[in-house]
């Protein structure tokens, strides 16, 4: 799961949170909003419903409380590599 900063209009930060399928790199789901648990959870709920076997994220502390540790994996440079491919 990844996020991208979109806008800083009058100090109102907007983030795009998205999940990619590992092999095809297709976008499975996304959500736009503040960087809150509510915004993250909308994408995570979709992943839970699809019975994702593994969810890779960066080190954002919120993920620790939102994702079951059995399927959560933290990758130090995973997000940067994915973003480079998407740009």
C-alpha atoms as a PDB file:
ATOM      1  CA  UNK A   1       0.000   0.000   0.000  1.00  0.00           C
ATOM      2  CA  UNK A   2       1.350   3.392  -0.909  1.00  0.00           C
ATOM      3  CA  UNK A   3       0.479   7.029  -0.633  1.00  0.00           C
ATOM      4  CA  UNK A   4       1.343  10.111  -2.652  1.00  0.00           C
ATOM      5  CA  UNK A   5       1.133  13.731  -1.539  1.00  0.00           C
ATOM      6  CA  UNK A   6      -1.094  15.599  -3.999  1.00  0.00           C
ATOM      7  CA  UNK A   7      -1.756  19.155  -2.874  1.00  0.00           C
ATOM      8  CA  UNK A   8      -0.954  21.728  -0.227  1.00  0.00           C
ATOM      9  CA  UNK A   9      -3.769  24.209  -0.739  1.00  0.00           C
ATOM     10  CA  UNK A  10      -3.910  26.528   2.269  1.00  0.00           C
ATOM     11  CA  UNK A  11      -2.308  23.925   4.530  1.00  0.00           C
ATOM     12  CA  UNK A  12      -4.963  21.315   3.694  1.00  0.00           C
ATOM     13  CA  UNK A  13      -2.910  18.315   2.711  1.00  0.00           C
ATOM     14  CA  UNK A  14      -4.488  15.830   0.330  1.00  0.00           C
ATOM     15  CA  UNK A  15      -3.121  12.299  -0.086  1.00  0.00           C
ATOM     16  CA  UNK A  16      -3.744   9.563  -2.597  1.00  0.00           C
ATOM     17  CA  UNK A  17      -3.578   6.160  -0.895  1.00  0.00           C
ATOM     18  CA  UNK A  18      -3.465   3.184  -3.227  1.00  0.00           C
ATOM     19  CA  UNK A  19      -2.819  -0.549  -3.340  1.00  0.00           C
ATOM     20  CA  UNK A  20      -1.119  -2.371  -6.198  1.00  0.00           C
ATOM     21  CA  UNK A  21      -1.313  -6.043  -7.127  1.00  0.00           C
ATOM     22  CA  UNK A  22       2.219  -7.378  -6.665  1.00  0.00           C
ATOM     23  CA  UNK A  23       2.820  -9.076 -10.022  1.00  0.00           C
ATOM     24  CA  UNK A  24       0.804  -7.014 -12.508  1.00  0.00           C
ATOM     25  CA  UNK A  25       1.284  -3.670 -10.662  1.00  0.00           C
ATOM     26  CA  UNK A  26      -2.370  -2.867 -11.423  1.00  0.00           C
ATOM     27  CA  UNK A  27      -4.158  -0.534  -9.013  1.00  0.00           C
ATOM     28  CA  UNK A  28      -6.482  -2.660  -6.873  1.00  0.00           C
ATOM     29  CA  UNK A  29      -8.062   0.223  -4.963  1.00  0.00           C
ATOM     30  CA  UNK A  30      -7.408   3.831  -3.994  1.00  0.00           C
ATOM     31  CA  UNK A  31      -8.730   6.642  -1.830  1.00  0.00           C
ATOM     32  CA  UNK A  32      -8.092  10.393  -1.715  1.00  0.00           C
ATOM     33  CA  UNK A  33      -8.222  12.409   1.501  1.00  0.00           C
ATOM     34  CA  UNK A  34      -6.359  13.447   4.613  1.00  0.00           C
ATOM     35  CA  UNK A  35      -3.629  11.143   5.866  1.00  0.00           C
ATOM     36  CA  UNK A  36      -5.779   9.650   8.594  1.00  0.00           C
ATOM     37  CA  UNK A  37      -6.740   6.166   9.709  1.00  0.00           C
ATOM     38  CA  UNK A  38     -10.125   6.645   8.038  1.00  0.00           C
ATOM     39  CA  UNK A  39      -8.531   7.307   4.634  1.00  0.00           C
ATOM     40  CA  UNK A  40      -6.086   4.414   5.017  1.00  0.00           C
ATOM     41  CA  UNK A  41      -8.787   2.071   6.284  1.00  0.00           C
ATOM     42  CA  UNK A  42     -10.907   2.459   3.134  1.00  0.00           C
ATOM     43  CA  UNK A  43      -8.120   0.895   1.088  1.00  0.00           C
ATOM     44  CA  UNK A  44      -7.300  -1.659   3.778  1.00  0.00           C
ATOM     45  CA  UNK A  45     -10.917  -2.831   4.001  1.00  0.00           C
ATOM     46  CA  UNK A  46     -10.884  -3.596   0.290  1.00  0.00           C
ATOM     47  CA  UNK A  47      -7.671  -5.581   0.737  1.00  0.00           C
ATOM     48  CA  UNK A  48      -9.149  -7.501   3.655  1.00  0.00           C
ATOM     49  CA  UNK A  49     -12.267  -8.350   1.639  1.00  0.00           C
ATOM     50  CA  UNK A  50     -10.088  -9.623  -1.201  1.00  0.00           C
ATOM     51  CA  UNK A  51      -8.253 -11.821   1.335  1.00  0.00           C
ATOM     52  CA  UNK A  52      -4.802 -10.384   0.593  1.00  0.00           C
ATOM     53  CA  UNK A  53      -2.071 -12.785   1.672  1.00  0.00           C
ATOM     54  CA  UNK A  54       0.519 -10.063   2.297  1.00  0.00           C
ATOM     55  CA  UNK A  55       0.377  -6.267   2.576  1.00  0.00           C
ATOM     56  CA  UNK A  56       3.630  -4.344   2.109  1.00  0.00           C
ATOM     57  CA  UNK A  57       3.849  -0.792   3.468  1.00  0.00           C
ATOM     58  CA  UNK A  58       6.345   1.824   4.530  1.00  0.00           C
ATOM     59  CA  UNK A  59       7.037   2.591   8.202  1.00  0.00           C
ATOM     60  CA  UNK A  60       4.012   4.801   8.882  1.00  0.00           C
ATOM     61  CA  UNK A  61       3.021   4.010  12.490  1.00  0.00           C
ATOM     62  CA  UNK A  62      -0.700   3.908  11.675  1.00  0.00           C
ATOM     63  CA  UNK A  63      -0.310   0.682   9.714  1.00  0.00           C
ATOM     64  CA  UNK A  64       0.831  -1.131  12.847  1.00  0.00           C
ATOM     65  CA  UNK A  65      -2.624  -0.638  14.367  1.00  0.00           C
ATOM     66  CA  UNK A  66      -4.659  -1.162  11.196  1.00  0.00           C
ATOM     67  CA  UNK A  67      -3.095  -4.287   9.640  1.00  0.00           C
ATOM     68  CA  UNK A  68      -2.835  -7.737  11.181  1.00  0.00           C
ATOM     69  CA  UNK A  69       0.855  -8.397  11.844  1.00  0.00           C
ATOM     70  CA  UNK A  70       0.606 -11.854  10.233  1.00  0.00           C
ATOM     71  CA  UNK A  71       0.040 -10.328   6.797  1.00  0.00           C
ATOM     72  CA  UNK A  72       1.853  -6.997   7.283  1.00  0.00           C
ATOM     73  CA  UNK A  73       5.371  -6.559   5.941  1.00  0.00           C
ATOM     74  CA  UNK A  74       7.413  -3.357   6.090  1.00  0.00           C
ATOM     75  CA  UNK A  75       9.771  -2.658   3.219  1.00  0.00           C
ATOM     76  CA  UNK A  76      12.295   0.113   3.642  1.00  0.00           C
ATOM     77  CA  UNK A  77      12.645   1.079  -0.031  1.00  0.00           C
ATOM     78  CA  UNK A  78       9.535  -0.540  -1.520  1.00  0.00           C
ATOM     79  CA  UNK A  79       7.534   2.638  -1.874  1.00  0.00           C
ATOM     80  CA  UNK A  80      10.257   4.594  -3.682  1.00  0.00           C
ATOM     81  CA  UNK A  81      10.779   1.881  -6.283  1.00  0.00           C
ATOM     82  CA  UNK A  82       7.068   1.645  -7.011  1.00  0.00           C
ATOM     83  CA  UNK A  83       6.726   5.423  -7.345  1.00  0.00           C
ATOM     84  CA  UNK A  84       9.652   5.593  -9.794  1.00  0.00           C
ATOM     85  CA  UNK A  85       7.953   2.998 -11.994  1.00  0.00           C
ATOM     86  CA  UNK A  86       4.612   4.878 -11.927  1.00  0.00           C
ATOM     87  CA  UNK A  87       6.003   8.303 -12.887  1.00  0.00           C
END
